[in-house]
Amino acid sequence: RAVLDELAEQYPALELSAQDRDSLNRAWHRMG
């Protein structure tokens, strides 16, 4: 989650809100 805060600045076009970052972080919980 901390790294996503860095990536939000590197990828401004994605406009990653705090909610977006929390949602993306859950992808690690859905690995096949």
PDB file of all heavy atoms in Angstrom:
ATOM      1  N   ARG A   1       0.837  -1.208   0.000  1.00  0.00           N
ATOM      2  CA  ARG A   1       0.000   0.000   0.000  1.00  0.00           C
ATOM      3  C   ARG A   1       0.871   1.258   0.000  1.00  0.00           C
ATOM      4  O   ARG A   1       0.543   2.258  -0.672  1.00  0.00           O
ATOM      5  CB  ARG A   1      -0.919  -0.016   1.224  1.00  0.00           C
ATOM      6  CG  ARG A   1      -1.849   1.175   1.350  1.00  0.00           C
ATOM      7  CD  ARG A   1      -2.817   1.287   0.180  1.00  0.00           C
ATOM      8  NE  ARG A   1      -3.708   2.424   0.342  1.00  0.00           N
ATOM      9  CZ  ARG A   1      -3.372   3.692   0.125  1.00  0.00           C
ATOM     10  NH1 ARG A   1      -2.145   3.981  -0.304  1.00  0.00           N
ATOM     11  NH2 ARG A   1      -4.238   4.659   0.316  1.00  0.00           N
ATOM     12  N   ALA A   2       1.974   1.232   0.720  1.00  0.00           N
ATOM     13  CA  ALA A   2       2.866   2.387   0.763  1.00  0.00           C
ATOM     14  C   ALA A   2       3.466   2.658  -0.616  1.00  0.00           C
ATOM     15  O   ALA A   2       3.628   3.817  -1.028  1.00  0.00           O
ATOM     16  CB  ALA A   2       3.974   2.170   1.788  1.00  0.00           C
ATOM     17  N   VAL A   3       3.797   1.598  -1.346  1.00  0.00           N
ATOM     18  CA  VAL A   3       4.363   1.770  -2.689  1.00  0.00           C
ATOM     19  C   VAL A   3       3.335   2.398  -3.623  1.00  0.00           C
ATOM     20  O   VAL A   3       3.679   3.203  -4.498  1.00  0.00           O
ATOM     21  CB  VAL A   3       4.861   0.424  -3.254  1.00  0.00           C
ATOM     22  CG1 VAL A   3       5.351   0.592  -4.692  1.00  0.00           C
ATOM     23  CG2 VAL A   3       5.988  -0.139  -2.393  1.00  0.00           C
ATOM     24  N   LEU A   4       2.071   2.071  -3.440  1.00  0.00           N
ATOM     25  CA  LEU A   4       1.034   2.668  -4.286  1.00  0.00           C
ATOM     26  C   LEU A   4       0.973   4.189  -4.126  1.00  0.00           C
ATOM     27  O   LEU A   4       0.619   4.899  -5.075  1.00  0.00           O
ATOM     28  CB  LEU A   4      -0.328   2.048  -3.977  1.00  0.00           C
ATOM     29  CG  LEU A   4      -0.578   0.663  -4.581  1.00  0.00           C
ATOM     30  CD1 LEU A   4      -1.916   0.106  -4.114  1.00  0.00           C
ATOM     31  CD2 LEU A   4      -0.532   0.714  -6.113  1.00  0.00           C
ATOM     32  N   ASP A   5       1.308   4.673  -2.950  1.00  0.00           N
ATOM     33  CA  ASP A   5       1.362   6.129  -2.774  1.00  0.00           C
ATOM     34  C   ASP A   5       2.455   6.733  -3.661  1.00  0.00           C
ATOM     35  O   ASP A   5       2.283   7.824  -4.200  1.00  0.00           O
ATOM     36  CB  ASP A   5       1.617   6.477  -1.305  1.00  0.00           C
ATOM     37  CG  ASP A   5       0.406   6.177  -0.426  1.00  0.00           C
ATOM     38  OD1 ASP A   5      -0.714   6.133  -0.958  1.00  0.00           O
ATOM     39  OD2 ASP A   5       0.600   5.969   0.789  1.00  0.00           O
ATOM     40  N   GLU A   6       3.573   6.019  -3.798  1.00  0.00           N
ATOM     41  CA  GLU A   6       4.640   6.485  -4.685  1.00  0.00           C
ATOM     42  C   GLU A   6       4.191   6.414  -6.146  1.00  0.00           C
ATOM     43  O   GLU A   6       4.406   7.339  -6.927  1.00  0.00           O
ATOM     44  CB  GLU A   6       5.891   5.625  -4.508  1.00  0.00           C
ATOM     45  CG  GLU A   6       6.516   5.642  -3.131  1.00  0.00           C
ATOM     46  CD  GLU A   6       7.705   4.721  -3.046  1.00  0.00           C
ATOM     47  OE1 GLU A   6       8.128   4.170  -4.099  1.00  0.00           O
ATOM     48  OE2 GLU A   6       8.227   4.535  -1.932  1.00  0.00           O
ATOM     49  N   LEU A   7       3.558   5.298  -6.502  1.00  0.00           N
ATOM     50  CA  LEU A   7       3.153   5.095  -7.892  1.00  0.00           C
ATOM     51  C   LEU A   7       2.060   6.070  -8.315  1.00  0.00           C
ATOM     52  O   LEU A   7       1.959   6.425  -9.489  1.00  0.00           O
ATOM     53  CB  LEU A   7       2.683   3.652  -8.084  1.00  0.00           C
ATOM     54  CG  LEU A   7       3.808   2.605  -8.035  1.00  0.00           C
ATOM     55  CD1 LEU A   7       3.225   1.193  -7.996  1.00  0.00           C
ATOM     56  CD2 LEU A   7       4.739   2.750  -9.230  1.00  0.00           C
ATOM     57  N   ALA A   8       1.259   6.502  -7.374  1.00  0.00           N
ATOM     58  CA  ALA A   8       0.220   7.479  -7.692  1.00  0.00           C
ATOM     59  C   ALA A   8       0.845   8.765  -8.219  1.00  0.00           C
ATOM     60  O   ALA A   8       0.283   9.439  -9.099  1.00  0.00           O
ATOM     61  CB  ALA A   8      -0.631   7.769  -6.464  1.00  0.00           C
ATOM     62  N   GLU A   9       2.029   9.127  -7.710  1.00  0.00           N
ATOM     63  CA  GLU A   9       2.719  10.327  -8.182  1.00  0.00           C
ATOM     64  C   GLU A   9       3.402  10.079  -9.524  1.00  0.00           C
ATOM     65  O   GLU A   9       3.505  10.987 -10.355  1.00  0.00           O
ATOM     66  CB  GLU A   9       3.751  10.759  -7.143  1.00  0.00           C
ATOM     67  CG  GLU A   9       3.129  11.167  -5.811  1.00  0.00           C
ATOM     68  CD  GLU A   9       4.177  11.646  -4.812  1.00  0.00           C
ATOM     69  OE1 GLU A   9       5.362  11.747  -5.193  1.00  0.00           O
ATOM     70  OE2 GLU A   9       3.812  11.918  -3.657  1.00  0.00           O
ATOM     71  N   GLN A  10       3.853   8.838  -9.751  1.00  0.00           N
ATOM     72  CA  GLN A  10       4.533   8.513 -11.000  1.00  0.00           C
ATOM     73  C   GLN A  10       3.558   8.328 -12.165  1.00  0.00           C
ATOM     74  O   GLN A  10       3.948   8.453 -13.323  1.00  0.00           O
ATOM     75  CB  GLN A  10       5.361   7.241 -10.825  1.00  0.00           C
ATOM     76  CG  GLN A  10       6.507   7.359  -9.836  1.00  0.00           C
ATOM     77  CD  GLN A  10       7.244   6.050  -9.655  1.00  0.00           C
ATOM     78  OE1 GLN A  10       7.367   5.259 -10.575  1.00  0.00           O
ATOM     79  NE2 GLN A  10       7.735   5.818  -8.446  1.00  0.00           N
ATOM     80  N   TYR A  11       2.302   8.004 -11.842  1.00  0.00           N
ATOM     81  CA  TYR A  11       1.273   7.776 -12.864  1.00  0.00           C
ATOM     82  C   TYR A  11       0.087   8.700 -12.618  1.00  0.00           C
ATOM     83  O   TYR A  11      -1.011   8.252 -12.278  1.00  0.00           O
ATOM     84  CB  TYR A  11       0.822   6.313 -12.839  1.00  0.00           C
ATOM     85  CG  TYR A  11       1.860   5.328 -13.281  1.00  0.00           C
ATOM     86  CD1 TYR A  11       2.836   4.864 -12.405  1.00  0.00           C
ATOM     87  CD2 TYR A  11       1.889   4.849 -14.596  1.00  0.00           C
ATOM     88  CE1 TYR A  11       3.800   3.954 -12.824  1.00  0.00           C
ATOM     89  CE2 TYR A  11       2.840   3.934 -15.020  1.00  0.00           C
ATOM     90  CZ  TYR A  11       3.797   3.486 -14.124  1.00  0.00           C
ATOM     91  OH  TYR A  11       4.749   2.577 -14.547  1.00  0.00           O
ATOM     92  N   PRO A  12       0.281   9.998 -12.777  1.00  0.00           N
ATOM     93  CA  PRO A  12      -0.797  10.954 -12.465  1.00  0.00           C
ATOM     94  C   PRO A  12      -2.033  10.782 -13.337  1.00  0.00           C
ATOM     95  O   PRO A  12      -3.148  11.114 -12.903  1.00  0.00           O
ATOM     96  CB  PRO A  12      -0.130  12.315 -12.714  1.00  0.00           C
ATOM     97  CG  PRO A  12       1.008  12.031 -13.647  1.00  0.00           C
ATOM     98  CD  PRO A  12       1.496  10.678 -13.252  1.00  0.00           C
ATOM     99  N   ALA A  13      -1.870  10.212 -14.548  1.00  0.00           N
ATOM    100  CA  ALA A  13      -3.022  10.042 -15.433  1.00  0.00           C
ATOM    101  C   ALA A  13      -4.055   9.088 -14.840  1.00  0.00           C
ATOM    102  O   ALA A  13      -5.249   9.184 -15.165  1.00  0.00           O
ATOM    103  CB  ALA A  13      -2.563   9.526 -16.796  1.00  0.00           C
ATOM    104  N   LEU A  14      -3.636   8.189 -13.975  1.00  0.00           N
ATOM    105  CA  LEU A  14      -4.576   7.240 -13.363  1.00  0.00           C
ATOM    106  C   LEU A  14      -5.446   7.911 -12.290  1.00  0.00           C
ATOM    107  O   LEU A  14      -6.493   7.363 -11.925  1.00  0.00           O
ATOM    108  CB  LEU A  14      -3.816   6.065 -12.735  1.00  0.00           C
ATOM    109  CG  LEU A  14      -3.380   4.949 -13.687  1.00  0.00           C
ATOM    110  CD1 LEU A  14      -2.497   3.936 -12.952  1.00  0.00           C
ATOM    111  CD2 LEU A  14      -4.586   4.248 -14.298  1.00  0.00           C
ATOM    112  N   GLU A  15      -4.984   9.046 -11.782  1.00  0.00           N
ATOM    113  CA  GLU A  15      -5.732   9.776 -10.745  1.00  0.00           C
ATOM    114  C   GLU A  15      -6.142   8.842  -9.607  1.00  0.00           C
ATOM    115  O   GLU A  15      -7.318   8.719  -9.262  1.00  0.00           O
ATOM    116  CB  GLU A  15      -6.967  10.456 -11.352  1.00  0.00           C
ATOM    117  CG  GLU A  15      -6.637  11.487 -12.424  1.00  0.00           C
ATOM    118  CD  GLU A  15      -7.872  12.149 -13.001  1.00  0.00           C
ATOM    119  OE1 GLU A  15      -8.990  11.659 -12.739  1.00  0.00           O
ATOM    120  OE2 GLU A  15      -7.720  13.160 -13.718  1.00  0.00           O
ATOM    121  N   LEU A  16      -5.150   8.186  -9.020  1.00  0.00           N
ATOM    122  CA  LEU A  16      -5.416   7.177  -7.993  1.00  0.00           C
ATOM    123  C   LEU A  16      -5.822   7.819  -6.669  1.00  0.00           C
ATOM    124  O   LEU A  16      -5.004   8.407  -5.963  1.00  0.00           O
ATOM    125  CB  LEU A  16      -4.181   6.303  -7.778  1.00  0.00           C
ATOM    126  CG  LEU A  16      -3.777   5.387  -8.939  1.00  0.00           C
ATOM    127  CD1 LEU A  16      -2.466   4.683  -8.623  1.00  0.00           C
ATOM    128  CD2 LEU A  16      -4.877   4.365  -9.216  1.00  0.00           C
ATOM    129  N   SER A  17      -7.093   7.674  -6.334  1.00  0.00           N
ATOM    130  CA  SER A  17      -7.577   8.139  -5.032  1.00  0.00           C
ATOM    131  C   SER A  17      -7.154   7.129  -3.965  1.00  0.00           C
ATOM    132  O   SER A  17      -6.691   6.024  -4.276  1.00  0.00           O
ATOM    133  CB  SER A  17      -9.097   8.255  -5.045  1.00  0.00           C
ATOM    134  OG  SER A  17      -9.685   6.962  -5.176  1.00  0.00           O
ATOM    135  N   ALA A  18      -7.343   7.499  -2.710  1.00  0.00           N
ATOM    136  CA  ALA A  18      -7.036   6.571  -1.620  1.00  0.00           C
ATOM    137  C   ALA A  18      -7.879   5.308  -1.752  1.00  0.00           C
ATOM    138  O   ALA A  18      -7.401   4.181  -1.507  1.00  0.00           O
ATOM    139  CB  ALA A  18      -7.282   7.245  -0.273  1.00  0.00           C
ATOM    140  N   GLN A  19      -9.129   5.463  -2.155  1.00  0.00           N
ATOM    141  CA  GLN A  19     -10.001   4.300  -2.349  1.00  0.00           C
ATOM    142  C   GLN A  19      -9.497   3.423  -3.496  1.00  0.00           C
ATOM    143  O   GLN A  19      -9.516   2.193  -3.404  1.00  0.00           O
ATOM    144  CB  GLN A  19     -11.431   4.756  -2.626  1.00  0.00           C
ATOM    145  CG  GLN A  19     -12.424   3.604  -2.734  1.00  0.00           C
ATOM    146  CD  GLN A  19     -13.850   4.093  -2.920  1.00  0.00           C
ATOM    147  OE1 GLN A  19     -14.127   5.292  -2.897  1.00  0.00           O
ATOM    148  NE2 GLN A  19     -14.769   3.160  -3.109  1.00  0.00           N
ATOM    149  N   ASP A  20      -9.028   4.050  -4.579  1.00  0.00           N
ATOM    150  CA  ASP A  20      -8.461   3.297  -5.703  1.00  0.00           C
ATOM    151  C   ASP A  20      -7.259   2.485  -5.252  1.00  0.00           C
ATOM    152  O   ASP A  20      -7.096   1.312  -5.630  1.00  0.00           O
ATOM    153  CB  ASP A  20      -8.014   4.238  -6.824  1.00  0.00           C
ATOM    154  CG  ASP A  20      -9.166   4.933  -7.518  1.00  0.00           C
ATOM    155  OD1 ASP A  20     -10.264   4.357  -7.571  1.00  0.00           O
ATOM    156  OD2 ASP A  20      -8.948   6.059  -8.019  1.00  0.00           O
ATOM    157  N   ARG A  21      -6.412   3.091  -4.440  1.00  0.00           N
ATOM    158  CA  ARG A  21      -5.199   2.409  -3.981  1.00  0.00           C
ATOM    159  C   ARG A  21      -5.548   1.228  -3.073  1.00  0.00           C
ATOM    160  O   ARG A  21      -4.950   0.162  -3.179  1.00  0.00           O
ATOM    161  CB  ARG A  21      -4.285   3.405  -3.261  1.00  0.00           C
ATOM    162  CG  ARG A  21      -3.816   4.534  -4.155  1.00  0.00           C
ATOM    163  CD  ARG A  21      -3.074   5.616  -3.382  1.00  0.00           C
ATOM    164  NE  ARG A  21      -3.310   6.914  -4.000  1.00  0.00           N
ATOM    165  CZ  ARG A  21      -2.806   8.049  -3.579  1.00  0.00           C
ATOM    166  NH1 ARG A  21      -2.021   8.066  -2.511  1.00  0.00           N
ATOM    167  NH2 ARG A  21      -3.082   9.186  -4.197  1.00  0.00           N
ATOM    168  N   ASP A  22      -6.523   1.432  -2.215  1.00  0.00           N
ATOM    169  CA  ASP A  22      -6.972   0.328  -1.354  1.00  0.00           C
ATOM    170  C   ASP A  22      -7.530  -0.819  -2.192  1.00  0.00           C
ATOM    171  O   ASP A  22      -7.269  -1.989  -1.913  1.00  0.00           O
ATOM    172  CB  ASP A  22      -8.041   0.816  -0.375  1.00  0.00           C
ATOM    173  CG  ASP A  22      -7.493   1.754   0.687  1.00  0.00           C
ATOM    174  OD1 ASP A  22      -6.262   1.763   0.895  1.00  0.00           O
ATOM    175  OD2 ASP A  22      -8.302   2.484   1.305  1.00  0.00           O
ATOM    176  N   SER A  23      -8.297  -0.473  -3.220  1.00  0.00           N
ATOM    177  CA  SER A  23      -8.886  -1.492  -4.083  1.00  0.00           C
ATOM    178  C   SER A  23      -7.811  -2.243  -4.862  1.00  0.00           C
ATOM    179  O   SER A  23      -7.842  -3.478  -4.958  1.00  0.00           O
ATOM    180  CB  SER A  23      -9.879  -0.840  -5.050  1.00  0.00           C
ATOM    181  OG  SER A  23     -10.443  -1.798  -5.919  1.00  0.00           O
ATOM    182  N   LEU A  24      -6.843  -1.517  -5.428  1.00  0.00           N
ATOM    183  CA  LEU A  24      -5.752  -2.164  -6.150  1.00  0.00           C
ATOM    184  C   LEU A  24      -4.958  -3.088  -5.232  1.00  0.00           C
ATOM    185  O   LEU A  24      -4.536  -4.177  -5.635  1.00  0.00           O
ATOM    186  CB  LEU A  24      -4.808  -1.116  -6.739  1.00  0.00           C
ATOM    187  CG  LEU A  24      -5.210  -0.438  -8.040  1.00  0.00           C
ATOM    188  CD1 LEU A  24      -4.154   0.589  -8.444  1.00  0.00           C
ATOM    189  CD2 LEU A  24      -5.400  -1.459  -9.162  1.00  0.00           C
ATOM    190  N   ASN A  25      -4.783  -2.684  -4.000  1.00  0.00           N
ATOM    191  CA  ASN A  25      -3.996  -3.489  -3.065  1.00  0.00           C
ATOM    192  C   ASN A  25      -4.639  -4.852  -2.810  1.00  0.00           C
ATOM    193  O   ASN A  25      -3.954  -5.818  -2.474  1.00  0.00           O
ATOM    194  CB  ASN A  25      -3.823  -2.732  -1.743  1.00  0.00           C
ATOM    195  CG  ASN A  25      -2.478  -2.981  -1.112  1.00  0.00           C
ATOM    196  OD1 ASN A  25      -1.490  -3.196  -1.807  1.00  0.00           O
ATOM    197  ND2 ASN A  25      -2.420  -2.953   0.203  1.00  0.00           N
ATOM    198  N   ARG A  26      -5.943  -4.927  -2.990  1.00  0.00           N
ATOM    199  CA  ARG A  26      -6.642  -6.194  -2.771  1.00  0.00           C
ATOM    200  C   ARG A  26      -6.365  -7.202  -3.885  1.00  0.00           C
ATOM    201  O   ARG A  26      -6.657  -8.383  -3.740  1.00  0.00           O
ATOM    202  CB  ARG A  26      -8.156  -5.947  -2.683  1.00  0.00           C
ATOM    203  CG  ARG A  26      -8.599  -5.148  -1.471  1.00  0.00           C
ATOM    204  CD  ARG A  26      -8.305  -5.839  -0.166  1.00  0.00           C
ATOM    205  NE  ARG A  26      -8.983  -7.131  -0.057  1.00  0.00           N
ATOM    206  CZ  ARG A  26      -8.811  -7.996   0.953  1.00  0.00           C
ATOM    207  NH1 ARG A  26      -7.963  -7.707   1.906  1.00  0.00           N
ATOM    208  NH2 ARG A  26      -9.464  -9.138   0.984  1.00  0.00           N
ATOM    209  N   ALA A  27      -5.773  -6.752  -4.991  1.00  0.00           N
ATOM    210  CA  ALA A  27      -5.445  -7.686  -6.078  1.00  0.00           C
ATOM    211  C   ALA A  27      -4.503  -8.779  -5.595  1.00  0.00           C
ATOM    212  O   ALA A  27      -4.550  -9.915  -6.089  1.00  0.00           O
ATOM    213  CB  ALA A  27      -4.826  -6.936  -7.252  1.00  0.00           C
ATOM    214  N   TRP A  28      -3.650  -8.451  -4.633  1.00  0.00           N
ATOM    215  CA  TRP A  28      -2.728  -9.447  -4.083  1.00  0.00           C
ATOM    216  C   TRP A  28      -3.467 -10.551  -3.332  1.00  0.00           C
ATOM    217  O   TRP A  28      -2.895 -11.618  -3.067  1.00  0.00           O
ATOM    218  CB  TRP A  28      -1.727  -8.777  -3.157  1.00  0.00           C
ATOM    219  CG  TRP A  28      -0.804  -7.840  -3.866  1.00  0.00           C
ATOM    220  CD1 TRP A  28      -0.948  -6.486  -3.997  1.00  0.00           C
ATOM    221  CD2 TRP A  28       0.390  -8.172  -4.579  1.00  0.00           C
ATOM    222  NE1 TRP A  28       0.091  -5.955  -4.738  1.00  0.00           N
ATOM    223  CE2 TRP A  28       0.929  -6.974  -5.106  1.00  0.00           C
ATOM    224  CE3 TRP A  28       1.062  -9.381  -4.813  1.00  0.00           C
ATOM    225  CZ2 TRP A  28       2.098  -6.945  -5.861  1.00  0.00           C
ATOM    226  CZ3 TRP A  28       2.230  -9.353  -5.560  1.00  0.00           C
ATOM    227  CH2 TRP A  28       2.736  -8.152  -6.064  1.00  0.00           C
ATOM    228  N   HIS A  29      -4.710 -10.304  -2.985  1.00  0.00           N
ATOM    229  CA  HIS A  29      -5.513 -11.299  -2.261  1.00  0.00           C
ATOM    230  C   HIS A  29      -6.337 -12.173  -3.207  1.00  0.00           C
ATOM    231  O   HIS A  29      -7.083 -13.041  -2.753  1.00  0.00           O
ATOM    232  CB  HIS A  29      -6.457 -10.587  -1.284  1.00  0.00           C
ATOM    233  CG  HIS A  29      -5.747  -9.879  -0.175  1.00  0.00           C
ATOM    234  ND1 HIS A  29      -5.825 -10.302   1.140  1.00  0.00           N
ATOM    235  CD2 HIS A  29      -4.936  -8.779  -0.171  1.00  0.00           C
ATOM    236  CE1 HIS A  29      -5.098  -9.484   1.895  1.00  0.00           C
ATOM    237  NE2 HIS A  29      -4.553  -8.559   1.122  1.00  0.00           N
ATOM    238  N   ARG A  30      -6.187 -11.956  -4.512  1.00  0.00           N
ATOM    239  CA  ARG A  30      -6.960 -12.720  -5.502  1.00  0.00           C
ATOM    240  C   ARG A  30      -6.035 -13.407  -6.512  1.00  0.00           C
ATOM    241  O   ARG A  30      -6.376 -13.566  -7.679  1.00  0.00           O
ATOM    242  CB  ARG A  30      -7.925 -11.789  -6.251  1.00  0.00           C
ATOM    243  CG  ARG A  30      -8.944 -11.086  -5.376  1.00  0.00           C
ATOM    244  CD  ARG A  30      -9.975 -10.346  -6.220  1.00  0.00           C
ATOM    245  NE  ARG A  30      -9.372  -9.335  -7.082  1.00  0.00           N
ATOM    246  CZ  ARG A  30      -9.148  -8.073  -6.695  1.00  0.00           C
ATOM    247  NH1 ARG A  30      -9.473  -7.678  -5.474  1.00  0.00           N
ATOM    248  NH2 ARG A  30      -8.602  -7.201  -7.546  1.00  0.00           N
ATOM    249  N   MET A  31      -4.879 -13.818  -6.071  1.00  0.00           N
ATOM    250  CA  MET A  31      -3.940 -14.466  -6.976  1.00  0.00           C
ATOM    251  C   MET A  31      -4.381 -15.901  -7.270  1.00  0.00           C
ATOM    252  O   MET A  31      -4.816 -16.625  -6.369  1.00  0.00           O
ATOM    253  CB  MET A  31      -2.532 -14.478  -6.371  1.00  0.00           C
ATOM    254  CG  MET A  31      -1.911 -13.095  -6.225  1.00  0.00           C
ATOM    255  SD  MET A  31      -0.198 -13.159  -5.617  1.00  0.00           S
ATOM    256  CE  MET A  31      -0.446 -13.616  -3.887  1.00  0.00           C
ATOM    257  N   GLY A  32      -4.254 -16.294  -8.532  1.00  0.00           N
ATOM    258  CA  GLY A  32      -4.507 -17.677  -8.903  1.00  0.00           C
ATOM    259  C   GLY A  32      -3.236 -18.505  -8.762  1.00  0.00           C
ATOM    260  O   GLY A  32      -2.155 -17.973  -8.473  1.00  0.00           O
TER     261      GLY A  32
END
